[in-house]
C-alpha atoms as a PDB file:
ATOM      1  CA  MET A   1       0.000   0.000   0.000  1.00  0.00           C
ATOM      2  CA  GLY A   2       2.959   2.318   0.343  1.00  0.00           C
ATOM      3  CA  ASP A   3       3.685   4.764   3.056  1.00  0.00           C
ATOM      4  CA  HIS A   4       0.839   6.993   4.146  1.00  0.00           C
ATOM      5  CA  LYS A   5       1.896  10.174   5.871  1.00  0.00           C
ATOM      6  CA  ASP A   6      -0.062  11.267   8.890  1.00  0.00           C
ATOM      7  CA  LEU A   7      -2.328  14.222   8.104  1.00  0.00           C
ATOM      8  CA  LYS A   8      -0.250  16.467  10.370  1.00  0.00           C
ATOM      9  CA  GLU A   9       2.815  15.840   8.158  1.00  0.00           C
ATOM     10  CA  GLN A  10       1.002  16.862   4.973  1.00  0.00           C
ATOM     11  CA  PRO A  11       1.551  20.379   3.640  1.00  0.00           C
ATOM     12  CA  LEU A  12      -1.526  22.570   3.629  1.00  0.00           C
ATOM     13  CA  ARG A  13      -3.103  24.024   0.498  1.00  0.00           C
ATOM     14  CA  VAL A  14      -3.939  27.548   1.543  1.00  0.00           C
ATOM     15  CA  GLY A  15      -5.156  28.623  -1.918  1.00  0.00           C
ATOM     16  CA  ALA A  16      -8.732  27.429  -1.490  1.00  0.00           C
ATOM     17  CA  ALA A  17      -8.963  29.180   1.891  1.00  0.00           C
ATOM     18  CA  VAL A  18      -7.710  32.436   0.341  1.00  0.00           C
ATOM     19  CA  ARG A  19     -10.190  32.133  -2.536  1.00  0.00           C
ATOM     20  CA  ARG A  20     -13.131  31.356  -0.200  1.00  0.00           C
ATOM     21  CA  ARG A  21     -12.293  34.335   2.002  1.00  0.00           C
ATOM     22  CA  ARG A  22     -11.859  36.674  -0.989  1.00  0.00           C
ATOM     23  CA  ARG A  23     -15.164  35.577  -2.506  1.00  0.00           C
ATOM     24  CA  ALA A  24     -16.962  35.861   0.835  1.00  0.00           C
ATOM     25  CA  LEU A  25     -15.836  39.498   0.953  1.00  0.00           C
ATOM     26  CA  GLU A  26     -16.821  39.902  -2.725  1.00  0.00           C
ATOM     27  CA  LEU A  27     -13.354  41.167  -3.652  1.00  0.00           C
ATOM     28  CA  THR A  28     -11.561  40.821  -6.971  1.00  0.00           C
ATOM     29  CA  LEU A  29      -7.961  39.676  -7.263  1.00  0.00           C
ATOM     30  CA  ALA A  30      -7.115  43.228  -8.359  1.00  0.00           C
ATOM     31  CA  VAL A  31      -8.453  44.692  -5.106  1.00  0.00           C
ATOM     32  CA  VAL A  32      -6.551  42.134  -3.011  1.00  0.00           C
ATOM     33  CA  ALA A  33      -3.411  42.861  -5.058  1.00  0.00           C
ATOM     34  CA  GLU A  34      -3.774  46.595  -4.431  1.00  0.00           C
ATOM     35  CA  ARG A  35      -4.354  46.095  -0.684  1.00  0.00           C
ATOM     36  CA  SER A  36      -1.515  43.577  -0.269  1.00  0.00           C
ATOM     37  CA  GLY A  37       1.101  45.003  -2.617  1.00  0.00           C
ATOM     38  CA  LEU A  38       1.353  41.624  -4.361  1.00  0.00           C
ATOM     39  CA  SER A  39       0.720  41.036  -8.060  1.00  0.00           C
ATOM     40  CA  VAL A  40      -2.520  39.651  -9.500  1.00  0.00           C
ATOM     41  CA  PRO A  41      -0.681  36.745 -11.221  1.00  0.00           C
ATOM     42  CA  PHE A  42       1.033  35.778  -7.955  1.00  0.00           C
ATOM     43  CA  LEU A  43      -2.270  35.891  -6.058  1.00  0.00           C
ATOM     44  CA  SER A  44      -3.865  33.753  -8.768  1.00  0.00           C
ATOM     45  CA  GLN A  45      -1.039  31.228  -8.411  1.00  0.00           C
ATOM     46  CA  ILE A  46      -1.573  31.162  -4.635  1.00  0.00           C
ATOM     47  CA  GLU A  47      -5.318  30.580  -5.031  1.00  0.00           C
ATOM     48  CA  ASN A  48      -4.683  27.749  -7.504  1.00  0.00           C
ATOM     49  CA  ASP A  49      -1.968  26.201  -5.294  1.00  0.00           C
ATOM     50  CA  ARG A  50       0.691  26.707  -7.961  1.00  0.00           C
ATOM     51  CA  ALA A  51       2.694  28.933  -5.592  1.00  0.00           C
ATOM     52  CA  ARG A  52       3.270  28.649  -1.851  1.00  0.00           C
ATOM     53  CA  PRO A  53       3.400  32.073  -0.231  1.00  0.00           C
ATOM     54  CA  SER A  54       6.130  32.928   2.251  1.00  0.00           C
ATOM     55  CA  SER A  55       4.976  33.793   5.763  1.00  0.00           C
ATOM     56  CA  THR A  56       5.430  37.487   4.908  1.00  0.00           C
ATOM     57  CA  SER A  57       3.328  37.172   1.734  1.00  0.00           C
ATOM     58  CA  LEU A  58       0.652  35.195   3.574  1.00  0.00           C
ATOM     59  CA  GLU A  59       0.475  37.939   6.229  1.00  0.00           C
ATOM     60  CA  LYS A  60       0.017  40.546   3.482  1.00  0.00           C
ATOM     61  CA  VAL A  61      -2.760  38.494   1.882  1.00  0.00           C
ATOM     62  CA  ALA A  62      -4.421  37.963   5.268  1.00  0.00           C
ATOM     63  CA  ASP A  63      -4.291  41.700   6.044  1.00  0.00           C
ATOM     64  CA  ALA A  64      -5.839  42.461   2.647  1.00  0.00           C
ATOM     65  CA  LEU A  65      -8.610  39.965   3.425  1.00  0.00           C
ATOM     66  CA  ARG A  66      -9.142  41.393   6.933  1.00  0.00           C
ATOM     67  CA  THR A  67      -8.134  38.176   8.664  1.00  0.00           C
ATOM     68  CA  THR A  68      -4.945  36.587   9.972  1.00  0.00           C
ATOM     69  CA  ALA A  69      -2.495  34.110   8.505  1.00  0.00           C
ATOM     70  CA  VAL A  70      -3.374  31.759  11.358  1.00  0.00           C
ATOM     71  CA  GLU A  71      -7.059  31.844  10.347  1.00  0.00           C
ATOM     72  CA  LEU A  72      -6.205  31.189   6.697  1.00  0.00           C
ATOM     73  CA  LEU A  73      -3.992  28.249   7.655  1.00  0.00           C
ATOM     74  CA  ALA A  74      -6.721  26.882   9.931  1.00  0.00           C
ATOM     75  CA  ALA A  75      -9.146  26.970   6.980  1.00  0.00           C
ATOM     76  CA  ALA A  76      -6.601  25.436   4.580  1.00  0.00           C
ATOM     77  CA  ASP A  77      -7.152  22.054   2.982  1.00  0.00           C
ATOM     78  CA  PRO A  78      -4.617  19.286   3.519  1.00  0.00           C
ATOM     79  CA  ALA A  79      -2.642  18.457   0.379  1.00  0.00           C
ATOM     80  CA  CYS A  80      -3.455  14.756   0.684  1.00  0.00           C
ATOM     81  CA  SER A  81      -6.589  13.317  -0.850  1.00  0.00           C
ATOM     82  CA  VAL A  82      -7.014  10.564   1.734  1.00  0.00           C
ATOM     83  CA  ASP A  83      -7.804  11.194   5.374  1.00  0.00           C
ATOM     84  CA  VAL A  84      -8.776   8.674   8.035  1.00  0.00           C
ATOM     85  CA  VAL A  85     -10.938   9.748  10.958  1.00  0.00           C
ATOM     86  CA  ARG A  86     -10.648   7.042  13.594  1.00  0.00           C
ATOM     87  CA  ALA A  87     -13.564   5.937  15.741  1.00  0.00           C
ATOM     88  CA  GLU A  88     -13.357   7.213  19.260  1.00  0.00           C
ATOM     89  CA  GLY A  89     -13.135   4.851  22.209  1.00  0.00           C
ATOM     90  CA  PRO A  90     -16.219   3.806  24.151  1.00  0.00           C
ATOM     91  CA  GLU A  91     -18.019   6.701  25.732  1.00  0.00           C
ATOM     92  CA  ALA A  92     -17.563   7.098  29.464  1.00  0.00           C
ATOM     93  CA  THR A  93     -20.995   8.691  29.738  1.00  0.00           C
ATOM     94  CA  PRO A  94     -24.203   8.063  27.804  1.00  0.00           C
ATOM     95  CA  GLU A  95     -24.411  11.780  26.948  1.00  0.00           C
ATOM     96  CA  PRO A  96     -25.587  12.691  23.448  1.00  0.00           C
ATOM     97  CA  ARG A  97     -22.708  13.786  21.244  1.00  0.00           C
ATOM     98  CA  ALA A  98     -21.860  14.808  17.718  1.00  0.00           C
ATOM     99  CA  ARG A  99     -18.590  14.317  15.917  1.00  0.00           C
ATOM    100  CA  SER A 100     -17.412  15.355  12.483  1.00  0.00           C
ATOM    101  CA  LEU A 101     -16.513  12.488  10.159  1.00  0.00           C
ATOM    102  CA  VAL A 102     -14.716  14.746   7.657  1.00  0.00           C
ATOM    103  CA  ARG A 103     -11.917  17.085   8.714  1.00  0.00           C
ATOM    104  CA  GLY A 104     -11.249  20.381   7.008  1.00  0.00           C
ATOM    105  CA  HIS A 105     -13.254  22.584   4.706  1.00  0.00           C
ATOM    106  CA  HIS A 106     -14.526  20.399   1.868  1.00  0.00           C
ATOM    107  CA  GLN A 107     -17.460  20.181  -0.516  1.00  0.00           C
ATOM    108  CA  MET A 108     -18.966  17.418   1.592  1.00  0.00           C
ATOM    109  CA  HIS A 109     -19.648  17.408   5.306  1.00  0.00           C
ATOM    110  CA  ALA A 110     -20.509  14.355   7.398  1.00  0.00           C
ATOM    111  CA  SER A 111     -21.350  14.079  11.085  1.00  0.00           C
ATOM    112  CA  GLU A 112     -22.271  11.276  13.448  1.00  0.00           C
ATOM    113  CA  PHE A 113     -24.845  11.929  16.159  1.00  0.00           C
ATOM    114  CA  THR A 114     -25.001   9.495  19.051  1.00  0.00           C
ATOM    115  CA  GLY A 115     -27.916   9.449  21.464  1.00  0.00           C
ATOM    116  CA  ASP A 116     -30.605  12.090  21.420  1.00  0.00           C
ATOM    117  CA  HIS A 117     -30.370  15.837  21.114  1.00  0.00           C
ATOM    118  CA  ASP A 118     -32.718  18.813  21.392  1.00  0.00           C
ATOM    119  CA  ALA A 119     -35.718  17.323  19.557  1.00  0.00           C
ATOM    120  CA  GLY A 120     -37.344  20.762  19.342  1.00  0.00           C
ATOM    121  CA  ARG A 121     -34.474  22.193  17.324  1.00  0.00           C
ATOM    122  CA  GLU A 122     -35.396  22.754  13.699  1.00  0.00           C
ATOM    123  CA  PHE A 123     -32.826  22.492  10.922  1.00  0.00           C
ATOM    124  CA  GLN A 124     -32.793  23.928   7.431  1.00  0.00           C
ATOM    125  CA  TYR A 125     -29.768  23.623   5.190  1.00  0.00           C
ATOM    126  CA  ARG A 126     -29.109  25.377   1.926  1.00  0.00           C
ATOM    127  CA  ASN A 127     -27.935  22.195   0.193  1.00  0.00           C
ATOM    128  CA  ASP A 128     -29.010  18.552   0.029  1.00  0.00           C
ATOM    129  CA  GLN A 129     -28.330  16.049   2.785  1.00  0.00           C
ATOM    130  CA  LEU A 130     -28.683  12.349   3.463  1.00  0.00           C
ATOM    131  CA  MET A 131     -29.546  10.960   6.900  1.00  0.00           C
ATOM    132  CA  TYR A 132     -28.535   7.329   7.584  1.00  0.00           C
ATOM    133  CA  VAL A 133     -29.436   5.381  10.729  1.00  0.00           C
ATOM    134  CA  ALA A 134     -26.350   3.319  11.643  1.00  0.00           C
ATOM    135  CA  ASP A 135     -27.878   1.980  14.903  1.00  0.00           C
ATOM    136  CA  GLY A 136     -31.159   2.403  16.727  1.00  0.00           C
ATOM    137  CA  ALA A 137     -34.089   4.378  15.357  1.00  0.00           C
ATOM    138  CA  VAL A 138     -35.126   7.974  14.741  1.00  0.00           C
ATOM    139  CA  GLU A 139     -38.217   9.925  13.928  1.00  0.00           C
ATOM    140  CA  ILE A 140     -37.744  12.758  11.460  1.00  0.00           C
ATOM    141  CA  GLU A 141     -40.358  15.420  10.855  1.00  0.00           C
ATOM    142  CA  ALA A 142     -40.064  17.113   7.462  1.00  0.00           C
ATOM    143  CA  GLU A 143     -42.611  19.141   5.530  1.00  0.00           C
ATOM    144  CA  GLY A 144     -45.374  18.336   8.008  1.00  0.00           C
ATOM    145  CA  ARG A 145     -44.890  14.552   7.868  1.00  0.00           C
ATOM    146  CA  ALA A 146     -43.201  12.201  10.321  1.00  0.00           C
ATOM    147  CA  TYR A 147     -40.878   9.485   9.050  1.00  0.00           C
ATOM    148  CA  ARG A 148     -39.774   6.595  11.268  1.00  0.00           C
ATOM    149  CA  LEU A 149     -36.412   5.166  10.321  1.00  0.00           C
ATOM    150  CA  GLY A 150     -34.665   2.104  11.722  1.00  0.00           C
ATOM    151  CA  ARG A 151     -31.172   0.705  11.407  1.00  0.00           C
ATOM    152  CA  GLY A 152     -29.967   0.875   7.801  1.00  0.00           C
ATOM    153  CA  ASP A 153     -32.708   3.274   6.633  1.00  0.00           C
ATOM    154  CA  THR A 154     -31.928   6.566   4.900  1.00  0.00           C
ATOM    155  CA  LEU A 155     -33.825   9.789   4.312  1.00  0.00           C
ATOM    156  CA  TYR A 156     -32.815  12.263   1.613  1.00  0.00           C
ATOM    157  CA  LEU A 157     -33.673  15.939   1.995  1.00  0.00           C
ATOM    158  CA  THR A 158     -33.291  18.505  -0.739  1.00  0.00           C
ATOM    159  CA  GLY A 159     -31.850  21.873   0.178  1.00  0.00           C
ATOM    160  CA  GLY A 160     -34.225  24.230   1.946  1.00  0.00           C
ATOM    161  CA  VAL A 161     -36.425  21.570   3.618  1.00  0.00           C
ATOM    162  CA  ARG A 162     -37.102  22.406   7.272  1.00  0.00           C
ATOM    163  CA  HIS A 163     -36.840  19.370   9.518  1.00  0.00           C
ATOM    164  CA  ARG A 164     -36.232  18.124  13.047  1.00  0.00           C
ATOM    165  CA  TRP A 165     -35.383  14.711  14.405  1.00  0.00           C
ATOM    166  CA  ARG A 166     -35.246  12.724  17.611  1.00  0.00           C
ATOM    167  CA  ALA A 167     -33.856   9.354  18.612  1.00  0.00           C
ATOM    168  CA  THR A 168     -36.581   6.865  19.582  1.00  0.00           C
ATOM    169  CA  VAL A 169     -34.175   4.179  20.840  1.00  0.00           C
ATOM    170  CA  ALA A 170     -31.296   4.568  23.313  1.00  0.00           C
ATOM    171  CA  ASP A 171     -27.771   4.558  21.825  1.00  0.00           C
ATOM    172  CA  THR A 172     -29.017   5.590  18.383  1.00  0.00           C
ATOM    173  CA  ARG A 173     -26.307   6.594  15.889  1.00  0.00           C
ATOM    174  CA  LEU A 174     -27.376   8.864  13.029  1.00  0.00           C
ATOM    175  CA  ILE A 175     -24.999   9.751  10.193  1.00  0.00           C
ATOM    176  CA  VAL A 176     -25.719  12.979   8.305  1.00  0.00           C
ATOM    177  CA  VAL A 177     -23.905  13.577   5.005  1.00  0.00           C
ATOM    178  CA  ALA A 178     -24.446  16.916   3.301  1.00  0.00           C
ATOM    179  CA  VAL A 179     -23.161  19.160   0.569  1.00  0.00           C
ATOM    180  CA  ALA A 180     -21.262  21.839   2.487  1.00  0.00           C
ATOM    181  CA  GLU A 181     -22.991  25.151   3.115  1.00  0.00           C
ATOM    182  CA  HIS A 182     -20.216  27.157   1.423  1.00  0.00           C
ATOM    183  CA  VAL A 183     -20.852  25.350  -1.882  1.00  0.00           C
ATOM    184  CA  GLU A 184     -23.479  26.785  -4.228  1.00  0.00           C
ATOM    185  CA  ALA A 185     -25.100  23.420  -5.009  1.00  0.00           C
ATOM    186  CA  VAL A 186     -28.662  24.655  -5.480  1.00  0.00           C
ATOM    187  CA  GLN A 187     -30.298  27.861  -6.514  1.00  0.00           C
ATOM    188  CA  ASP A 188     -32.330  29.685  -3.908  1.00  0.00           C
ATOM    189  CA  ARG A 189     -35.848  28.354  -4.034  1.00  0.00           C
ATOM    190  CA  PRO A 190     -38.792  30.725  -3.670  1.00  0.00           C
ATOM    191  CA  ARG A 191     -40.590  30.409  -0.330  1.00  0.00           C
END
């Protein structure tokens, strides 16, 4: 299988984080270049991970984007395309918990919910999601209807559907896989 480097040893790709931040602020490369004193071609190379900025250049970019280099690095994607998230050991307490199954800032997000949570909390996500019952059972209310799901069942929700859920069996494990909120996967639907 070859050697697999631990995620911590992998270099980070800061380009996507820079691009996301720039787009969130609705800035052009030209504006960031003017604010940072760096050239548009160099900034483009950074965003496309064809150039790795020095710490000084990254600080200039961060200042131009009204953030810090530390924040950009924290939002950076690992350069590897394979990442293993290990199962945690047995829980010491039966408390409900949630854990992310995908690290970093990617186009897909996945979480595992164990036990129950605030059943009155309503969710509505911009993009599509899939709910999979790994163990136990849940009741999901969506669009005025209740759906009872058992182990191995899935429920698919298109973006914009308001829903809530609750575990109906102790030690339920629910996996939620969704298109990340920062990705424009669907057009805004009229309400």
